[in-house]
Amino acid sequence: MSKPTLRELFIKYLTQDSATKDARRKDFNIAIFINPSDKHFGGHQVFNGTDLDMVMEKFDKAVKELRQQER
């Protein structure tokens, strides 16, 4: 299995909820965009008021995971 790219990790954090629903857990994630594979609403925001800070938080998580995988 190949190592995921930054883009793939970023899309994952933007569009996939984590298995845990406890926001105190390190691996917690809540999607802010609907998965692009959704036929009708793919790529649209989940919440009204999604902002750049929310998007950049997901980017930072993706970069962090990529760095951890490189170790």
Protein backbone atom coordinates (compact mmCIF):
# COMPACT_ATOMS: atom_id res chain seq x y z
CA MET A 1 0.00 0.00 0.00
CA SER A 2 1.45 3.37 -0.98
CA LYS A 3 1.84 6.28 1.39
CA PRO A 4 -0.99 8.81 1.01
CA THR A 5 -0.15 12.20 -0.47
CA LEU A 6 -0.74 15.49 1.30
CA ARG A 7 -3.67 16.13 -1.02
CA GLU A 8 -5.29 12.78 -0.17
CA LEU A 9 -4.89 13.37 3.57
CA PHE A 10 -6.24 16.90 3.26
CA ILE A 11 -9.33 15.70 1.38
CA LYS A 12 -9.80 12.96 3.99
CA TYR A 13 -9.84 15.47 6.85
CA LEU A 14 -12.14 17.81 4.94
CA THR A 15 -14.69 15.13 4.03
CA GLN A 16 -14.58 12.24 6.53
CA ASP A 17 -15.67 12.05 10.14
CA SER A 18 -13.40 10.10 12.47
CA ALA A 19 -14.54 6.89 14.12
CA THR A 20 -14.49 8.59 17.51
CA LYS A 21 -17.16 11.14 18.37
CA ASP A 22 -15.31 12.41 21.46
CA ALA A 23 -13.84 15.84 20.64
CA ARG A 24 -11.30 15.45 23.46
CA ARG A 25 -9.55 12.61 21.62
CA LYS A 26 -6.50 13.35 19.50
CA ASP A 27 -7.87 11.47 16.47
CA PHE A 28 -11.23 13.31 16.49
CA ASN A 29 -12.28 14.83 13.17
CA ILE A 30 -15.55 16.18 11.87
CA ALA A 31 -16.05 16.71 8.14
CA ILE A 32 -16.72 20.25 6.95
CA PHE A 33 -17.44 19.31 3.33
CA ILE A 34 -19.57 16.50 1.87
CA ASN A 35 -17.57 13.70 0.26
CA PRO A 36 -17.00 14.49 -3.46
CA SER A 37 -18.27 11.03 -4.40
CA ASP A 38 -21.79 11.97 -3.23
CA LYS A 39 -23.85 12.20 -6.42
CA HIS A 40 -25.98 15.18 -5.42
CA PHE A 41 -24.11 17.24 -2.85
CA GLY A 42 -20.46 16.22 -3.16
CA GLY A 43 -18.05 19.04 -2.39
CA HIS A 44 -20.62 21.31 -0.74
CA GLN A 45 -20.11 22.58 2.80
CA VAL A 46 -21.71 20.68 5.67
CA PHE A 47 -22.15 23.73 7.92
CA ASN A 48 -23.36 27.21 7.08
CA GLY A 49 -20.48 29.53 7.90
CA THR A 50 -17.54 27.29 7.01
CA ASP A 51 -14.54 29.60 7.02
CA LEU A 52 -10.89 29.62 6.07
CA ASP A 53 -9.75 28.88 9.63
CA MET A 54 -11.75 25.64 9.57
CA VAL A 55 -10.16 24.64 6.26
CA MET A 56 -6.63 25.49 7.42
CA GLU A 57 -7.14 23.44 10.60
CA LYS A 58 -7.74 20.39 8.37
CA PHE A 59 -4.66 21.24 6.31
CA ASP A 60 -2.54 21.42 9.47
CA LYS A 61 -3.86 18.01 10.56
CA ALA A 62 -2.97 16.53 7.16
CA VAL A 63 0.57 17.96 7.30
CA LYS A 64 1.02 16.64 10.83
CA GLU A 65 -0.10 13.13 9.83
CA LEU A 66 2.17 13.17 6.76
CA ARG A 67 5.15 14.13 8.92
CA GLN A 68 4.37 11.38 11.42
CA GLN A 69 4.26 8.81 8.61
CA GLU A 70 7.67 9.93 7.35
CA ARG A 71 9.31 8.96 10.65
